[in-house]
Amino acid sequence: VQPGGSLKLSCVVSGSIFSITAMNWYRQAPGKERELVAAITS
């Protein structure tokens, strides 16, 4: 995407735990450590 643009990521979770667990998005850029971007509790 070009700078200023938008994207929407999706993550489908199999199993029966989804509604009771917090969910997180992390990212890792080349040469950098993985970092927590966003989190949402149950």
Full PDB file with SEQRES, HELIX, SHEET, SSBOND, CRYST1, ORIGX, SCALE, CONECT and MASTER records, all heavy atoms in Angstrom:
SEQRES   1 A   42  VAL GLN PRO GLY GLY SER LEU LYS LEU SER CYS VAL VAL          
SEQRES   2 A   42  SER GLY SER ILE PHE SER ILE THR ALA MET ASN TRP TYR          
SEQRES   3 A   42  ARG GLN ALA PRO GLY LYS GLU ARG GLU LEU VAL ALA ALA          
SEQRES   4 A   42  ILE THR SER                                                  
HELIX    1 AA1 PHE A   18  ILE A   20  5                                   3    
SHEET    1 AA1 2 MET A  23  ARG A  27  0                                        
SHEET    2 AA1 2 GLU A  35  ILE A  40 -1                                        
CRYST1    1.000    1.000    1.000  90.00  90.00  90.00 P 1           1          
ORIGX1      1.000000  0.000000  0.000000        0.00000                         
ORIGX2      0.000000  1.000000  0.000000        0.00000                         
ORIGX3      0.000000  0.000000  1.000000        0.00000                         
SCALE1      1.000000  0.000000  0.000000        0.00000                         
SCALE2      0.000000  1.000000  0.000000        0.00000                         
SCALE3      0.000000  0.000000  1.000000        0.00000                         
ATOM      1  N   VAL A   1       0.848  -1.183   0.000  1.00  0.00           N  
ATOM      2  CA  VAL A   1       0.000   0.000   0.000  1.00  0.00           C  
ATOM      3  C   VAL A   1       0.888   1.238   0.000  1.00  0.00           C  
ATOM      4  O   VAL A   1       1.997   1.220   0.541  1.00  0.00           O  
ATOM      5  CB  VAL A   1      -0.957  -0.021   1.210  1.00  0.00           C  
ATOM      6  CG1 VAL A   1      -0.190   0.036   2.520  1.00  0.00           C  
ATOM      7  CG2 VAL A   1      -1.989   1.078   1.126  1.00  0.00           C  
ATOM      8  N   GLN A   2       0.391   2.304  -0.596  1.00  0.00           N  
ATOM      9  CA  GLN A   2       1.133   3.555  -0.611  1.00  0.00           C  
ATOM     10  C   GLN A   2       1.016   4.267   0.735  1.00  0.00           C  
ATOM     11  O   GLN A   2       0.030   4.066   1.466  1.00  0.00           O  
ATOM     12  CB  GLN A   2       0.612   4.461  -1.717  1.00  0.00           C  
ATOM     13  CG  GLN A   2       0.910   3.944  -3.118  1.00  0.00           C  
ATOM     14  CD  GLN A   2       0.514   4.943  -4.196  1.00  0.00           C  
ATOM     15  OE1 GLN A   2      -0.256   5.868  -3.954  1.00  0.00           O  
ATOM     16  NE2 GLN A   2       1.053   4.761  -5.388  1.00  0.00           N  
ATOM     17  N   PRO A   3       1.982   5.103   1.061  1.00  0.00           N  
ATOM     18  CA  PRO A   3       1.872   5.900   2.292  1.00  0.00           C  
ATOM     19  C   PRO A   3       0.559   6.678   2.317  1.00  0.00           C  
ATOM     20  O   PRO A   3       0.147   7.238   1.300  1.00  0.00           O  
ATOM     21  CB  PRO A   3       3.076   6.832   2.213  1.00  0.00           C  
ATOM     22  CG  PRO A   3       4.084   6.072   1.412  1.00  0.00           C  
ATOM     23  CD  PRO A   3       3.270   5.322   0.382  1.00  0.00           C  
ATOM     24  N   GLY A   4      -0.081   6.681   3.488  1.00  0.00           N  
ATOM     25  CA  GLY A   4      -1.379   7.315   3.628  1.00  0.00           C  
ATOM     26  C   GLY A   4      -2.545   6.391   3.353  1.00  0.00           C  
ATOM     27  O   GLY A   4      -3.701   6.759   3.619  1.00  0.00           O  
ATOM     28  N   GLY A   5      -2.264   5.216   2.845  1.00  0.00           N  
ATOM     29  CA  GLY A   5      -3.320   4.263   2.518  1.00  0.00           C  
ATOM     30  C   GLY A   5      -3.787   3.466   3.719  1.00  0.00           C  
ATOM     31  O   GLY A   5      -3.342   3.684   4.853  1.00  0.00           O  
ATOM     32  N   SER A   6      -4.689   2.516   3.435  1.00  0.00           N  
ATOM     33  CA  SER A   6      -5.294   1.707   4.497  1.00  0.00           C  
ATOM     34  C   SER A   6      -5.258   0.228   4.133  1.00  0.00           C  
ATOM     35  O   SER A   6      -5.273  -0.136   2.961  1.00  0.00           O  
ATOM     36  CB  SER A   6      -6.757   2.123   4.711  1.00  0.00           C  
ATOM     37  OG  SER A   6      -6.862   3.463   5.132  1.00  0.00           O  
ATOM     38  N   LEU A   7      -5.222  -0.586   5.172  1.00  0.00           N  
ATOM     39  CA  LEU A   7      -5.367  -2.034   5.045  1.00  0.00           C  
ATOM     40  C   LEU A   7      -6.140  -2.528   6.252  1.00  0.00           C  
ATOM     41  O   LEU A   7      -6.068  -1.927   7.328  1.00  0.00           O  
ATOM     42  CB  LEU A   7      -4.004  -2.739   5.005  1.00  0.00           C  
ATOM     43  CG  LEU A   7      -3.189  -2.721   3.716  1.00  0.00           C  
ATOM     44  CD1 LEU A   7      -1.828  -3.363   3.970  1.00  0.00           C  
ATOM     45  CD2 LEU A   7      -3.909  -3.438   2.594  1.00  0.00           C  
ATOM     46  N   LYS A   8      -6.831  -3.649   6.067  1.00  0.00           N  
ATOM     47  CA  LYS A   8      -7.513  -4.285   7.184  1.00  0.00           C  
ATOM     48  C   LYS A   8      -7.055  -5.736   7.267  1.00  0.00           C  
ATOM     49  O   LYS A   8      -7.257  -6.514   6.337  1.00  0.00           O  
ATOM     50  CB  LYS A   8      -9.029  -4.219   7.019  1.00  0.00           C  
ATOM     51  CG  LYS A   8      -9.785  -4.744   8.246  1.00  0.00           C  
ATOM     52  CD  LYS A   8     -11.280  -4.513   8.111  1.00  0.00           C  
ATOM     53  CE  LYS A   8     -12.029  -4.928   9.371  1.00  0.00           C  
ATOM     54  NZ  LYS A   8     -13.478  -4.654   9.281  1.00  0.00           N  
ATOM     55  N   LEU A   9      -6.429  -6.068   8.385  1.00  0.00           N  
ATOM     56  CA  LEU A   9      -5.983  -7.426   8.632  1.00  0.00           C  
ATOM     57  C   LEU A   9      -7.067  -8.201   9.385  1.00  0.00           C  
ATOM     58  O   LEU A   9      -7.786  -7.629  10.207  1.00  0.00           O  
ATOM     59  CB  LEU A   9      -4.694  -7.438   9.458  1.00  0.00           C  
ATOM     60  CG  LEU A   9      -3.532  -6.603   8.930  1.00  0.00           C  
ATOM     61  CD1 LEU A   9      -2.311  -6.787   9.837  1.00  0.00           C  
ATOM     62  CD2 LEU A   9      -3.197  -6.963   7.508  1.00  0.00           C  
ATOM     63  N   SER A  10      -7.141  -9.490   9.092  1.00  0.00           N  
ATOM     64  CA  SER A  10      -8.070 -10.377   9.788  1.00  0.00           C  
ATOM     65  C   SER A  10      -7.309 -11.577  10.330  1.00  0.00           C  
ATOM     66  O   SER A  10      -6.312 -12.006   9.744  1.00  0.00           O  
ATOM     67  CB  SER A  10      -9.164 -10.871   8.840  1.00  0.00           C  
ATOM     68  OG  SER A  10      -9.907  -9.813   8.293  1.00  0.00           O  
ATOM     69  N   CYS A  11      -7.792 -12.102  11.419  1.00  0.00           N  
ATOM     70  CA  CYS A  11      -7.206 -13.313  12.012  1.00  0.00           C  
ATOM     71  C   CYS A  11      -8.347 -14.193  12.498  1.00  0.00           C  
ATOM     72  O   CYS A  11      -9.095 -13.803  13.405  1.00  0.00           O  
ATOM     73  CB  CYS A  11      -6.282 -12.953  13.158  1.00  0.00           C  
ATOM     74  SG  CYS A  11      -5.661 -14.375  14.099  1.00  0.00           S  
ATOM     75  N   VAL A  12      -8.469 -15.356  11.889  1.00  0.00           N  
ATOM     76  CA  VAL A  12      -9.499 -16.312  12.274  1.00  0.00           C  
ATOM     77  C   VAL A  12      -8.880 -17.338  13.218  1.00  0.00           C  
ATOM     78  O   VAL A  12      -7.812 -17.889  12.937  1.00  0.00           O  
ATOM     79  CB  VAL A  12     -10.097 -17.013  11.050  1.00  0.00           C  
ATOM     80  CG1 VAL A  12     -11.149 -18.027  11.485  1.00  0.00           C  
ATOM     81  CG2 VAL A  12     -10.701 -15.991  10.095  1.00  0.00           C  
ATOM     82  N   VAL A  13      -9.562 -17.581  14.329  1.00  0.00           N  
ATOM     83  CA  VAL A  13      -9.056 -18.494  15.357  1.00  0.00           C  
ATOM     84  C   VAL A  13      -9.920 -19.742  15.401  1.00  0.00           C  
ATOM     85  O   VAL A  13     -11.139 -19.647  15.586  1.00  0.00           O  
ATOM     86  CB  VAL A  13      -9.057 -17.807  16.733  1.00  0.00           C  
ATOM     87  CG1 VAL A  13      -8.485 -18.756  17.800  1.00  0.00           C  
ATOM     88  CG2 VAL A  13      -8.251 -16.519  16.682  1.00  0.00           C  
ATOM     89  N   SER A  14      -9.315 -20.889  15.228  1.00  0.00           N  
ATOM     90  CA  SER A  14     -10.057 -22.138  15.338  1.00  0.00           C  
ATOM     91  C   SER A  14     -10.072 -22.578  16.798  1.00  0.00           C  
ATOM     92  O   SER A  14      -9.252 -22.153  17.596  1.00  0.00           O  
ATOM     93  CB  SER A  14      -9.404 -23.224  14.489  1.00  0.00           C  
ATOM     94  OG  SER A  14      -8.113 -23.520  14.982  1.00  0.00           O  
ATOM     95  N   GLY A  15     -11.007 -23.420  17.159  1.00  0.00           N  
ATOM     96  CA  GLY A  15     -11.129 -23.856  18.539  1.00  0.00           C  
ATOM     97  C   GLY A  15     -12.181 -23.048  19.266  1.00  0.00           C  
ATOM     98  O   GLY A  15     -12.760 -22.106  18.718  1.00  0.00           O  
ATOM     99  N   SER A  16     -12.404 -23.393  20.521  1.00  0.00           N  
ATOM    100  CA  SER A  16     -13.519 -22.802  21.264  1.00  0.00           C  
ATOM    101  C   SER A  16     -13.091 -21.759  22.283  1.00  0.00           C  
ATOM    102  O   SER A  16     -13.872 -21.383  23.141  1.00  0.00           O  
ATOM    103  CB  SER A  16     -14.294 -23.921  21.970  1.00  0.00           C  
ATOM    104  OG  SER A  16     -13.421 -24.608  22.850  1.00  0.00           O  
ATOM    105  N   ILE A  17     -11.851 -21.276  22.187  1.00  0.00           N  
ATOM    106  CA  ILE A  17     -11.339 -20.390  23.225  1.00  0.00           C  
ATOM    107  C   ILE A  17     -11.509 -18.911  22.908  1.00  0.00           C  
ATOM    108  O   ILE A  17     -11.281 -18.056  23.755  1.00  0.00           O  
ATOM    109  CB  ILE A  17      -9.834 -20.644  23.478  1.00  0.00           C  
ATOM    110  CG1 ILE A  17      -9.006 -20.217  22.248  1.00  0.00           C  
ATOM    111  CG2 ILE A  17      -9.599 -22.102  23.838  1.00  0.00           C  
ATOM    112  CD1 ILE A  17      -7.525 -20.143  22.525  1.00  0.00           C  
ATOM    113  N   PHE A  18     -11.886 -18.603  21.665  1.00  0.00           N  
ATOM    114  CA  PHE A  18     -11.781 -17.224  21.193  1.00  0.00           C  
ATOM    115  C   PHE A  18     -12.489 -16.245  22.125  1.00  0.00           C  
ATOM    116  O   PHE A  18     -11.948 -15.204  22.487  1.00  0.00           O  
ATOM    117  CB  PHE A  18     -12.342 -17.104  19.779  1.00  0.00           C  
ATOM    118  CG  PHE A  18     -12.206 -15.719  19.214  1.00  0.00           C  
ATOM    119  CD1 PHE A  18     -11.008 -15.295  18.663  1.00  0.00           C  
ATOM    120  CD2 PHE A  18     -13.276 -14.821  19.235  1.00  0.00           C  
ATOM    121  CE1 PHE A  18     -10.867 -14.018  18.145  1.00  0.00           C  
ATOM    122  CE2 PHE A  18     -13.143 -13.554  18.728  1.00  0.00           C  
ATOM    123  CZ  PHE A  18     -11.931 -13.150  18.175  1.00  0.00           C  
ATOM    124  N   SER A  19     -13.707 -16.540  22.514  1.00  0.00           N  
ATOM    125  CA  SER A  19     -14.505 -15.562  23.259  1.00  0.00           C  
ATOM    126  C   SER A  19     -13.978 -15.306  24.667  1.00  0.00           C  
ATOM    127  O   SER A  19     -14.360 -14.318  25.293  1.00  0.00           O  
ATOM    128  CB  SER A  19     -15.960 -16.029  23.333  1.00  0.00           C  
ATOM    129  OG  SER A  19     -16.056 -17.226  24.072  1.00  0.00           O  
ATOM    130  N   ILE A  20     -13.095 -16.162  25.179  1.00  0.00           N  
ATOM    131  CA  ILE A  20     -12.621 -15.999  26.555  1.00  0.00           C  
ATOM    132  C   ILE A  20     -11.185 -15.511  26.639  1.00  0.00           C  
ATOM    133  O   ILE A  20     -10.651 -15.359  27.740  1.00  0.00           O  
ATOM    134  CB  ILE A  20     -12.758 -17.309  27.355  1.00  0.00           C  
ATOM    135  CG1 ILE A  20     -11.872 -18.416  26.771  1.00  0.00           C  
ATOM    136  CG2 ILE A  20     -14.210 -17.747  27.424  1.00  0.00           C  
ATOM    137  CD1 ILE A  20     -11.838 -19.665  27.627  1.00  0.00           C  
ATOM    138  N   THR A  21     -10.542 -15.288  25.524  1.00  0.00           N  
ATOM    139  CA  THR A  21      -9.139 -14.889  25.550  1.00  0.00           C  
ATOM    140  C   THR A  21      -8.926 -13.503  24.959  1.00  0.00           C  
ATOM    141  O   THR A  21      -9.662 -13.069  24.084  1.00  0.00           O  
ATOM    142  CB  THR A  21      -8.258 -15.877  24.766  1.00  0.00           C  
ATOM    143  OG1 THR A  21      -8.643 -15.871  23.392  1.00  0.00           O  
ATOM    144  CG2 THR A  21      -8.386 -17.276  25.318  1.00  0.00           C  
ATOM    145  N   ALA A  22      -7.904 -12.830  25.463  1.00  0.00           N  
ATOM    146  CA  ALA A  22      -7.468 -11.591  24.841  1.00  0.00           C  
ATOM    147  C   ALA A  22      -6.787 -11.923  23.522  1.00  0.00           C  
ATOM    148  O   ALA A  22      -6.212 -13.005  23.359  1.00  0.00           O  
ATOM    149  CB  ALA A  22      -6.502 -10.854  25.757  1.00  0.00           C  
ATOM    150  N   MET A  23      -6.856 -10.992  22.583  1.00  0.00           N  
ATOM    151  CA  MET A  23      -6.233 -11.170  21.277  1.00  0.00           C  
ATOM    152  C   MET A  23      -5.280 -10.019  21.019  1.00  0.00           C  
ATOM    153  O   MET A  23      -5.568  -8.868  21.393  1.00  0.00           O  
ATOM    154  CB  MET A  23      -7.293 -11.216  20.178  1.00  0.00           C  
ATOM    155  CG  MET A  23      -8.238 -12.400  20.256  1.00  0.00           C  
ATOM    156  SD  MET A  23      -7.405 -13.998  20.125  1.00  0.00           S  
ATOM    157  CE  MET A  23      -6.559 -13.837  18.560  1.00  0.00           C  
ATOM    158  N   ASN A  24      -4.176 -10.333  20.391  1.00  0.00           N  
ATOM    159  CA  ASN A  24      -3.121  -9.343  20.165  1.00  0.00           C  
ATOM    160  C   ASN A  24      -2.661  -9.347  18.720  1.00  0.00           C  
ATOM    161  O   ASN A  24      -2.697 -10.391  18.054  1.00  0.00           O  
ATOM    162  CB  ASN A  24      -1.908  -9.661  21.043  1.00  0.00           C  
ATOM    163  CG  ASN A  24      -2.261  -9.870  22.489  1.00  0.00           C  
ATOM    164  OD1 ASN A  24      -2.842  -9.015  23.139  1.00  0.00           O  
ATOM    165  ND2 ASN A  24      -1.936 -11.041  23.018  1.00  0.00           N  
ATOM    166  N   TRP A  25      -2.220  -8.183  18.278  1.00  0.00           N  
ATOM    167  CA  TRP A  25      -1.494  -8.067  17.010  1.00  0.00           C  
ATOM    168  C   TRP A  25      -0.078  -7.591  17.324  1.00  0.00           C  
ATOM    169  O   TRP A  25       0.097  -6.571  17.994  1.00  0.00           O  
ATOM    170  CB  TRP A  25      -2.168  -7.070  16.068  1.00  0.00           C  
ATOM    171  CG  TRP A  25      -3.393  -7.582  15.404  1.00  0.00           C  
ATOM    172  CD1 TRP A  25      -4.696  -7.342  15.764  1.00  0.00           C  
ATOM    173  CD2 TRP A  25      -3.453  -8.412  14.244  1.00  0.00           C  
ATOM    174  NE1 TRP A  25      -5.553  -7.982  14.907  1.00  0.00           N  
ATOM    175  CE2 TRP A  25      -4.822  -8.643  13.959  1.00  0.00           C  
ATOM    176  CE3 TRP A  25      -2.493  -8.992  13.411  1.00  0.00           C  
ATOM    177  CZ2 TRP A  25      -5.248  -9.423  12.869  1.00  0.00           C  
ATOM    178  CZ3 TRP A  25      -2.920  -9.767  12.338  1.00  0.00           C  
ATOM    179  CH2 TRP A  25      -4.276  -9.970  12.077  1.00  0.00           C  
ATOM    180  N   TYR A  26       0.894  -8.342  16.827  1.00  0.00           N  
ATOM    181  CA  TYR A  26       2.294  -7.968  16.918  1.00  0.00           C  
ATOM    182  C   TYR A  26       2.808  -7.688  15.509  1.00  0.00           C  
ATOM    183  O   TYR A  26       2.196  -8.078  14.514  1.00  0.00           O  
ATOM    184  CB  TYR A  26       3.128  -9.120  17.504  1.00  0.00           C  
ATOM    185  CG  TYR A  26       3.040  -9.310  18.982  1.00  0.00           C  
ATOM    186  CD1 TYR A  26       1.941  -9.930  19.570  1.00  0.00           C  
ATOM    187  CD2 TYR A  26       4.075  -8.888  19.817  1.00  0.00           C  
ATOM    188  CE1 TYR A  26       1.876 -10.125  20.954  1.00  0.00           C  
ATOM    189  CE2 TYR A  26       4.023  -9.087  21.195  1.00  0.00           C  
ATOM    190  CZ  TYR A  26       2.914  -9.706  21.739  1.00  0.00           C  
ATOM    191  OH  TYR A  26       2.865  -9.892  23.112  1.00  0.00           O  
ATOM    192  N   ARG A  27       3.968  -7.045  15.435  1.00  0.00           N  
ATOM    193  CA  ARG A  27       4.639  -6.894  14.155  1.00  0.00           C  
ATOM    194  C   ARG A  27       6.152  -6.994  14.355  1.00  0.00           C  
ATOM    195  O   ARG A  27       6.656  -6.714  15.437  1.00  0.00           O  
ATOM    196  CB  ARG A  27       4.290  -5.567  13.483  1.00  0.00           C  
ATOM    197  CG  ARG A  27       4.837  -4.340  14.172  1.00  0.00           C  
ATOM    198  CD  ARG A  27       4.310  -3.068  13.496  1.00  0.00           C  
ATOM    199  NE  ARG A  27       4.814  -1.860  14.138  1.00  0.00           N  
ATOM    200  CZ  ARG A  27       4.387  -0.637  13.833  1.00  0.00           C  
ATOM    201  NH1 ARG A  27       3.445  -0.457  12.897  1.00  0.00           N  
ATOM    202  NH2 ARG A  27       4.899   0.411  14.459  1.00  0.00           N  
ATOM    203  N   GLN A  28       6.800  -7.406  13.280  1.00  0.00           N  
ATOM    204  CA  GLN A  28       8.256  -7.499  13.306  1.00  0.00           C  
ATOM    205  C   GLN A  28       8.813  -7.012  11.985  1.00  0.00           C  
ATOM    206  O   GLN A  28       8.527  -7.581  10.927  1.00  0.00           O  
ATOM    207  CB  GLN A  28       8.717  -8.936  13.578  1.00  0.00           C  
ATOM    208  CG  GLN A  28      10.207  -9.048  13.795  1.00  0.00           C  
ATOM    209  CD  GLN A  28      10.612 -10.378  14.391  1.00  0.00           C  
ATOM    210  OE1 GLN A  28       9.886 -11.364  14.326  1.00  0.00           O  
ATOM    211  NE2 GLN A  28      11.787 -10.415  14.994  1.00  0.00           N  
ATOM    212  N   ALA A  29       9.591  -5.943  12.074  1.00  0.00           N  
ATOM    213  CA  ALA A  29      10.253  -5.390  10.901  1.00  0.00           C  
ATOM    214  C   ALA A  29      11.637  -6.012  10.773  1.00  0.00           C  
ATOM    215  O   ALA A  29      12.203  -6.490  11.763  1.00  0.00           O  
ATOM    216  CB  ALA A  29      10.361  -3.873  11.037  1.00  0.00           C  
ATOM    217  N   PRO A  30      12.216  -6.011   9.579  1.00  0.00           N  
ATOM    218  CA  PRO A  30      13.544  -6.602   9.389  1.00  0.00           C  
ATOM    219  C   PRO A  30      14.570  -5.985  10.331  1.00  0.00           C  
ATOM    220  O   PRO A  30      14.665  -4.755  10.442  1.00  0.00           O  
ATOM    221  CB  PRO A  30      13.859  -6.274   7.930  1.00  0.00           C  
ATOM    222  CG  PRO A  30      12.532  -6.138   7.276  1.00  0.00           C  
ATOM    223  CD  PRO A  30      11.638  -5.529   8.318  1.00  0.00           C  
ATOM    224  N   GLY A  31      15.306  -6.838  11.024  1.00  0.00           N  
ATOM    225  CA  GLY A  31      16.346  -6.371  11.916  1.00  0.00           C  
ATOM    226  C   GLY A  31      15.864  -5.808  13.238  1.00  0.00           C  
ATOM    227  O   GLY A  31      16.673  -5.301  14.023  1.00  0.00           O  
ATOM    228  N   LYS A  32      14.566  -5.898  13.490  1.00  0.00           N  
ATOM    229  CA  LYS A  32      14.011  -5.361  14.733  1.00  0.00           C  
ATOM    230  C   LYS A  32      13.307  -6.456  15.521  1.00  0.00           C  
ATOM    231  O   LYS A  32      12.949  -7.494  14.977  1.00  0.00           O  
ATOM    232  CB  LYS A  32      13.039  -4.223  14.433  1.00  0.00           C  
ATOM    233  CG  LYS A  32      13.692  -3.002  13.805  1.00  0.00           C  
ATOM    234  CD  LYS A  32      12.718  -1.850  13.704  1.00  0.00           C  
ATOM    235  CE  LYS A  32      13.387  -0.608  13.147  1.00  0.00           C  
ATOM    236  NZ  LYS A  32      12.439   0.537  13.063  1.00  0.00           N  
ATOM    237  N   GLU A  33      13.103  -6.186  16.807  1.00  0.00           N  
ATOM    238  CA  GLU A  33      12.398  -7.135  17.647  1.00  0.00           C  
ATOM    239  C   GLU A  33      10.884  -7.063  17.381  1.00  0.00           C  
ATOM    240  O   GLU A  33      10.363  -6.036  16.950  1.00  0.00           O  
ATOM    241  CB  GLU A  33      12.676  -6.847  19.123  1.00  0.00           C  
ATOM    242  CG  GLU A  33      14.118  -7.095  19.538  1.00  0.00           C  
ATOM    243  CD  GLU A  33      14.316  -6.977  21.040  1.00  0.00           C  
ATOM    244  OE1 GLU A  33      13.363  -6.580  21.742  1.00  0.00           O  
ATOM    245  OE2 GLU A  33      15.420  -7.275  21.507  1.00  0.00           O  
ATOM    246  N   ARG A  34      10.226  -8.160  17.651  1.00  0.00           N  
ATOM    247  CA  ARG A  34       8.767  -8.179  17.535  1.00  0.00           C  
ATOM    248  C   ARG A  34       8.173  -7.261  18.601  1.00  0.00           C  
ATOM    249  O   ARG A  34       8.611  -7.281  19.755  1.00  0.00           O  
ATOM    250  CB  ARG A  34       8.263  -9.613  17.707  1.00  0.00           C  
ATOM    251  CG  ARG A  34       6.831  -9.817  17.308  1.00  0.00           C  
ATOM    252  CD  ARG A  34       6.469 -11.301  17.286  1.00  0.00           C  
ATOM    253  NE  ARG A  34       7.217 -12.038  16.263  1.00  0.00           N  
ATOM    254  CZ  ARG A  34       6.935 -13.292  15.926  1.00  0.00           C  
ATOM    255  NH1 ARG A  34       5.947 -13.947  16.529  1.00  0.00           N  
ATOM    256  NH2 ARG A  34       7.654 -13.888  15.009  1.00  0.00           N  
ATOM    257  N   GLU A  35       7.176  -6.469  18.222  1.00  0.00           N  
ATOM    258  CA  GLU A  35       6.561  -5.539  19.162  1.00  0.00           C  
ATOM    259  C   GLU A  35       5.040  -5.667  19.136  1.00  0.00           C  
ATOM    260  O   GLU A  35       4.447  -5.972  18.096  1.00  0.00           O  
ATOM    261  CB  GLU A  35       6.960  -4.084  18.847  1.00  0.00           C  
ATOM    262  CG  GLU A  35       6.520  -3.563  17.495  1.00  0.00           C  
ATOM    263  CD  GLU A  35       6.971  -2.121  17.241  1.00  0.00           C  
ATOM    264  OE1 GLU A  35       7.543  -1.481  18.149  1.00  0.00           O  
ATOM    265  OE2 GLU A  35       6.732  -1.643  16.112  1.00  0.00           O  
ATOM    266  N   LEU A  36       4.453  -5.432  20.305  1.00  0.00           N  
ATOM    267  CA  LEU A  36       3.006  -5.482  20.434  1.00  0.00           C  
ATOM    268  C   LEU A  36       2.406  -4.201  19.868  1.00  0.00           C  
ATOM    269  O   LEU A  36       2.742  -3.105  20.304  1.00  0.00           O  
ATOM    270  CB  LEU A  36       2.617  -5.649  21.900  1.00  0.00           C  
ATOM    271  CG  LEU A  36       1.123  -5.689  22.215  1.00  0.00           C  
ATOM    272  CD1 LEU A  36       0.452  -6.879  21.539  1.00  0.00           C  
ATOM    273  CD2 LEU A  36       0.917  -5.742  23.724  1.00  0.00           C  
ATOM    274  N   VAL A  37       1.524  -4.354  18.901  1.00  0.00           N  
ATOM    275  CA  VAL A  37       0.913  -3.210  18.229  1.00  0.00           C  
ATOM    276  C   VAL A  37      -0.436  -2.852  18.852  1.00  0.00           C  
ATOM    277  O   VAL A  37      -0.731  -1.687  19.090  1.00  0.00           O  
ATOM    278  CB  VAL A  37       0.717  -3.512  16.730  1.00  0.00           C  
ATOM    279  CG1 VAL A  37      -0.018  -2.374  16.033  1.00  0.00           C  
ATOM    280  CG2 VAL A  37       2.059  -3.772  16.065  1.00  0.00           C  
ATOM    281  N   ALA A  38      -1.252  -3.860  19.088  1.00  0.00           N  
ATOM    282  CA  ALA A  38      -2.595  -3.618  19.608  1.00  0.00           C  
ATOM    283  C   ALA A  38      -3.089  -4.862  20.320  1.00  0.00           C  
ATOM    284  O   ALA A  38      -2.706  -5.983  19.961  1.00  0.00           O  
ATOM    285  CB  ALA A  38      -3.562  -3.230  18.494  1.00  0.00           C  
ATOM    286  N   ALA A  39      -3.941  -4.647  21.313  1.00  0.00           N  
ATOM    287  CA  ALA A  39      -4.501  -5.753  22.088  1.00  0.00           C  
ATOM    288  C   ALA A  39      -5.948  -5.454  22.419  1.00  0.00           C  
ATOM    289  O   ALA A  39      -6.324  -4.288  22.597  1.00  0.00           O  
ATOM    290  CB  ALA A  39      -3.700  -5.968  23.370  1.00  0.00           C  
ATOM    291  N   ILE A  40      -6.742  -6.511  22.515  1.00  0.00           N  
ATOM    292  CA  ILE A  40      -8.135  -6.356  22.916  1.00  0.00           C  
ATOM    293  C   ILE A  40      -8.493  -7.503  23.847  1.00  0.00           C  
ATOM    294  O   ILE A  40      -8.240  -8.670  23.553  1.00  0.00           O  
ATOM    295  CB  ILE A  40      -9.074  -6.294  21.686  1.00  0.00           C  
ATOM    296  CG1 ILE A  40     -10.512  -6.019  22.117  1.00  0.00           C  
ATOM    297  CG2 ILE A  40      -8.968  -7.553  20.835  1.00  0.00           C  
ATOM    298  CD1 ILE A  40     -11.437  -5.640  20.956  1.00  0.00           C  
ATOM    299  N   THR A  41      -9.062  -7.167  25.008  1.00  0.00           N  
ATOM    300  CA  THR A  41      -9.437  -8.195  25.965  1.00  0.00           C  
ATOM    301  C   THR A  41     -10.735  -8.866  25.540  1.00  0.00           C  
ATOM    302  O   THR A  41     -11.413  -8.424  24.609  1.00  0.00           O  
ATOM    303  CB  THR A  41      -9.622  -7.598  27.358  1.00  0.00           C  
ATOM    304  OG1 THR A  41     -10.787  -6.742  27.340  1.00  0.00           O  
ATOM    305  CG2 THR A  41      -8.401  -6.799  27.790  1.00  0.00           C  
ATOM    306  N   SER A  42     -11.091  -9.926  26.250  1.00  0.00           N  
ATOM    307  CA  SER A  42     -12.354 -10.600  25.951  1.00  0.00           C  
ATOM    308  C   SER A  42     -13.543  -9.667  26.180  1.00  0.00           C  
ATOM    309  O   SER A  42     -14.583  -9.812  25.536  1.00  0.00           O  
ATOM    310  CB  SER A  42     -12.504 -11.857  26.806  1.00  0.00           C  
ATOM    311  OG  SER A  42     -12.447 -11.522  28.178  1.00  0.00           O  
TER     312      SER A  42                                                      
MASTER        0    0    0    1    2    0    0    6  311    1    0    4          
END                                                                             
